[in-house]
Amino acid sequence: MTSCWSCTAAASEEAAACSACGALLRIRGKYRVSRRLGQGGMGEVYEALDLALDRKVAVKLLFGAATAKPESSVTQVVMLG
């Protein structure tokens, strides 16, 4: 069990989105979202943990596809730190 980065509600490790507030929790099943870093006119950037590499990354998502299909809206993944 984990908690939502946005509202701190309890959430399962496998949940793609928070059942309480709808915040994105996982992307492609590979990235666990820690927080939203920013939002612009075309999309959002999240800090996440790459579960395969155990490293912090920034994941950029475009609006439109971001809520419906996060796996197809990932435009860039960059290692942090």
N, C-alpha and C. Protein backbone atom coordinates (compact mmCIF):
# COMPACT_ATOMS: atom_id res chain seq x y z
N MET A 1 0.84 -1.18 0.00
CA MET A 1 0.00 0.00 0.00
C MET A 1 0.89 1.25 0.00
N THR A 2 0.49 2.23 -0.75
CA THR A 2 1.20 3.50 -0.83
C THR A 2 0.19 4.62 -0.68
N SER A 3 0.65 5.85 -0.80
CA SER A 3 -0.30 6.97 -0.72
C SER A 3 -0.17 7.86 -1.95
N CYS A 4 -1.25 8.55 -2.25
CA CYS A 4 -1.30 9.46 -3.38
C CYS A 4 -0.42 10.67 -3.11
N TRP A 5 0.36 11.07 -4.12
CA TRP A 5 1.23 12.24 -3.98
C TRP A 5 0.42 13.53 -3.88
N SER A 6 -0.79 13.53 -4.40
CA SER A 6 -1.60 14.75 -4.47
C SER A 6 -2.49 14.95 -3.23
N CYS A 7 -3.21 13.90 -2.84
CA CYS A 7 -4.17 14.06 -1.73
C CYS A 7 -3.82 13.21 -0.50
N THR A 8 -2.79 12.40 -0.58
CA THR A 8 -2.29 11.50 0.48
C THR A 8 -3.25 10.37 0.84
N ALA A 9 -4.27 10.12 0.02
CA ALA A 9 -5.18 8.99 0.27
C ALA A 9 -4.42 7.68 0.03
N ALA A 10 -4.83 6.63 0.70
CA ALA A 10 -4.21 5.32 0.50
C ALA A 10 -4.50 4.82 -0.91
N ALA A 11 -3.49 4.19 -1.51
CA ALA A 11 -3.64 3.65 -2.87
C ALA A 11 -2.82 2.38 -2.99
N SER A 12 -3.26 1.46 -3.83
CA SER A 12 -2.50 0.23 -4.03
C SER A 12 -1.27 0.53 -4.87
N GLU A 13 -0.26 -0.29 -4.75
CA GLU A 13 0.99 -0.12 -5.49
C GLU A 13 0.77 -0.18 -7.00
N GLU A 14 -0.23 -0.92 -7.45
CA GLU A 14 -0.48 -1.13 -8.88
C GLU A 14 -1.45 -0.12 -9.49
N ALA A 15 -2.09 0.70 -8.67
CA ALA A 15 -3.10 1.63 -9.17
C ALA A 15 -2.50 2.64 -10.14
N ALA A 16 -3.18 2.87 -11.26
CA ALA A 16 -2.73 3.84 -12.26
C ALA A 16 -3.12 5.26 -11.87
N ALA A 17 -4.23 5.38 -11.14
CA ALA A 17 -4.72 6.70 -10.72
C ALA A 17 -5.32 6.59 -9.32
N CYS A 18 -5.32 7.68 -8.59
CA CYS A 18 -5.88 7.73 -7.25
C CYS A 18 -7.41 7.65 -7.32
N SER A 19 -8.00 6.77 -6.54
CA SER A 19 -9.45 6.62 -6.55
C SER A 19 -10.14 7.79 -5.84
N ALA A 20 -9.41 8.51 -5.00
CA ALA A 20 -10.00 9.64 -4.27
C ALA A 20 -9.99 10.94 -5.08
N CYS A 21 -8.85 11.26 -5.71
CA CYS A 21 -8.75 12.55 -6.40
C CYS A 21 -8.48 12.45 -7.90
N GLY A 22 -8.17 11.25 -8.39
CA GLY A 22 -7.92 11.05 -9.81
C GLY A 22 -6.51 11.35 -10.27
N ALA A 23 -5.61 11.71 -9.35
CA ALA A 23 -4.23 12.02 -9.72
C ALA A 23 -3.54 10.80 -10.33
N LEU A 24 -2.70 11.04 -11.30
CA LEU A 24 -1.93 9.98 -11.95
C LEU A 24 -0.91 9.41 -10.98
N LEU A 25 -0.91 8.08 -10.80
CA LEU A 25 0.02 7.44 -9.87
C LEU A 25 1.10 6.61 -10.58
N ARG A 26 0.74 6.02 -11.72
CA ARG A 26 1.68 5.20 -12.48
C ARG A 26 1.54 5.50 -13.96
N ILE A 27 2.66 5.43 -14.66
CA ILE A 27 2.67 5.64 -16.10
C ILE A 27 3.33 4.41 -16.73
N ARG A 28 2.62 3.79 -17.68
CA ARG A 28 3.09 2.58 -18.37
C ARG A 28 3.38 1.42 -17.43
N GLY A 29 3.01 1.51 -16.19
CA GLY A 29 3.33 0.47 -15.22
C GLY A 29 4.79 0.46 -14.85
N LYS A 30 5.57 1.32 -15.49
CA LYS A 30 7.02 1.36 -15.30
C LYS A 30 7.46 2.51 -14.41
N TYR A 31 6.70 3.59 -14.38
CA TYR A 31 7.06 4.79 -13.63
C TYR A 31 6.03 5.05 -12.53
N ARG A 32 6.49 5.19 -11.28
CA ARG A 32 5.61 5.55 -10.17
C ARG A 32 5.76 7.05 -9.91
N VAL A 33 4.69 7.79 -10.06
CA VAL A 33 4.71 9.25 -9.96
C VAL A 33 4.91 9.69 -8.51
N SER A 34 5.84 10.64 -8.31
CA SER A 34 6.11 11.20 -6.98
C SER A 34 5.43 12.55 -6.79
N ARG A 35 5.43 13.35 -7.88
CA ARG A 35 4.79 14.68 -7.82
C ARG A 35 4.75 15.29 -9.21
N ARG A 36 3.91 16.29 -9.36
CA ARG A 36 3.88 17.03 -10.62
C ARG A 36 4.89 18.17 -10.51
N LEU A 37 5.79 18.26 -11.48
CA LEU A 37 6.80 19.31 -11.49
C LEU A 37 6.31 20.58 -12.15
N GLY A 38 5.45 20.44 -13.15
CA GLY A 38 4.96 21.62 -13.84
C GLY A 38 3.87 21.28 -14.83
N GLN A 39 3.20 22.34 -15.29
CA GLN A 39 2.11 22.19 -16.25
C GLN A 39 2.15 23.38 -17.18
N GLY A 40 1.97 23.12 -18.47
CA GLY A 40 1.95 24.19 -19.46
C GLY A 40 0.76 24.05 -20.37
N GLY A 41 0.79 24.76 -21.46
CA GLY A 41 -0.32 24.77 -22.39
C GLY A 41 -0.54 23.45 -23.11
N MET A 42 0.52 22.65 -23.27
CA MET A 42 0.40 21.40 -24.03
C MET A 42 0.53 20.13 -23.20
N GLY A 43 0.96 20.25 -21.94
CA GLY A 43 1.13 19.04 -21.17
C GLY A 43 1.62 19.28 -19.75
N GLU A 44 2.03 18.17 -19.13
CA GLU A 44 2.50 18.19 -17.75
C GLU A 44 3.81 17.42 -17.65
N VAL A 45 4.61 17.77 -16.64
CA VAL A 45 5.86 17.05 -16.36
C VAL A 45 5.77 16.53 -14.93
N TYR A 46 6.06 15.25 -14.77
CA TYR A 46 6.01 14.61 -13.46
C TYR A 46 7.38 14.10 -13.05
N GLU A 47 7.67 14.16 -11.76
CA GLU A 47 8.82 13.46 -11.21
C GLU A 47 8.31 12.06 -10.89
N ALA A 48 9.08 11.06 -11.28
CA ALA A 48 8.65 9.68 -11.06
C ALA A 48 9.85 8.80 -10.77
N LEU A 49 9.58 7.61 -10.29
CA LEU A 49 10.61 6.61 -10.07
C LEU A 49 10.52 5.57 -11.17
N ASP A 50 11.62 5.37 -11.88
CA ASP A 50 11.69 4.29 -12.87
C ASP A 50 11.88 3.01 -12.07
N LEU A 51 10.86 2.17 -12.03
CA LEU A 51 10.87 0.99 -11.18
C LEU A 51 11.89 -0.04 -11.63
N ALA A 52 12.20 -0.10 -12.93
CA ALA A 52 13.17 -1.07 -13.43
C ALA A 52 14.60 -0.66 -13.09
N LEU A 53 14.89 0.65 -13.15
CA LEU A 53 16.25 1.14 -12.91
C LEU A 53 16.44 1.70 -11.50
N ASP A 54 15.35 1.85 -10.74
CA ASP A 54 15.38 2.42 -9.39
C ASP A 54 16.05 3.80 -9.41
N ARG A 55 15.60 4.65 -10.36
CA ARG A 55 16.14 6.00 -10.50
C ARG A 55 15.02 7.00 -10.67
N LYS A 56 15.28 8.23 -10.20
CA LYS A 56 14.33 9.32 -10.41
C LYS A 56 14.40 9.78 -11.86
N VAL A 57 13.23 10.02 -12.43
CA VAL A 57 13.14 10.53 -13.80
C VAL A 57 12.08 11.61 -13.86
N ALA A 58 12.14 12.41 -14.93
CA ALA A 58 11.08 13.35 -15.25
C ALA A 58 10.37 12.80 -16.47
N VAL A 59 9.05 12.73 -16.41
CA VAL A 59 8.25 12.19 -17.51
C VAL A 59 7.33 13.29 -18.02
N LYS A 60 7.42 13.57 -19.32
CA LYS A 60 6.57 14.60 -19.93
C LYS A 60 5.39 13.93 -20.63
N LEU A 61 4.18 14.41 -20.32
CA LEU A 61 2.95 13.90 -20.94
C LEU A 61 2.25 15.03 -21.67
N LEU A 62 1.68 14.73 -22.83
CA LEU A 62 0.88 15.71 -23.55
C LEU A 62 -0.56 15.64 -23.10
N PHE A 63 -1.24 16.79 -23.07
CA PHE A 63 -2.67 16.81 -22.72
C PHE A 63 -3.48 16.07 -23.77
N GLY A 64 -4.67 15.68 -23.40
CA GLY A 64 -5.55 14.94 -24.31
C GLY A 64 -5.39 13.45 -24.07
N ALA A 65 -4.23 12.94 -24.37
CA ALA A 65 -3.97 11.52 -24.17
C ALA A 65 -3.53 11.23 -22.74
N ALA A 66 -3.16 12.25 -21.98
CA ALA A 66 -2.58 12.04 -20.65
C ALA A 66 -3.52 11.31 -19.70
N THR A 67 -4.80 11.63 -19.73
CA THR A 67 -5.72 10.97 -18.80
C THR A 67 -6.30 9.69 -19.39
N ALA A 68 -6.48 9.64 -20.70
CA ALA A 68 -7.08 8.47 -21.32
C ALA A 68 -6.08 7.33 -21.49
N LYS A 69 -4.90 7.63 -22.01
CA LYS A 69 -3.90 6.61 -22.29
C LYS A 69 -2.51 7.14 -21.96
N PRO A 70 -2.11 7.15 -20.70
CA PRO A 70 -0.80 7.68 -20.35
C PRO A 70 0.36 7.00 -21.10
N GLU A 71 0.20 5.73 -21.43
CA GLU A 71 1.28 5.01 -22.11
C GLU A 71 1.56 5.55 -23.51
N SER A 72 0.57 6.13 -24.16
CA SER A 72 0.79 6.65 -25.51
C SER A 72 1.11 8.13 -25.53
N SER A 73 1.00 8.82 -24.38
CA SER A 73 1.23 10.25 -24.35
C SER A 73 2.60 10.64 -23.82
N VAL A 74 3.43 9.67 -23.43
CA VAL A 74 4.77 9.97 -22.94
C VAL A 74 5.60 10.47 -24.10
N THR A 75 6.11 11.69 -23.97
CA THR A 75 6.91 12.26 -25.05
C THR A 75 8.39 12.27 -24.73
N GLN A 76 8.74 12.24 -23.45
CA GLN A 76 10.14 12.30 -23.08
C GLN A 76 10.32 11.82 -21.65
N VAL A 77 11.40 11.07 -21.43
CA VAL A 77 11.78 10.64 -20.08
C VAL A 77 13.24 11.02 -19.90
N VAL A 78 13.54 11.74 -18.82
CA VAL A 78 14.89 12.22 -18.55
C VAL A 78 15.29 11.81 -17.15
N MET A 79 16.51 11.29 -16.97
CA MET A 79 17.01 10.95 -15.64
C MET A 79 17.23 12.22 -14.82
N LEU A 80 16.91 12.19 -13.55
CA LEU A 80 17.16 13.30 -12.65
C LEU A 80 18.28 12.92 -11.69
N GLY A 81 19.08 13.88 -11.33
CA GLY A 81 20.14 13.68 -10.34
C GLY A 81 21.18 12.81 -10.78
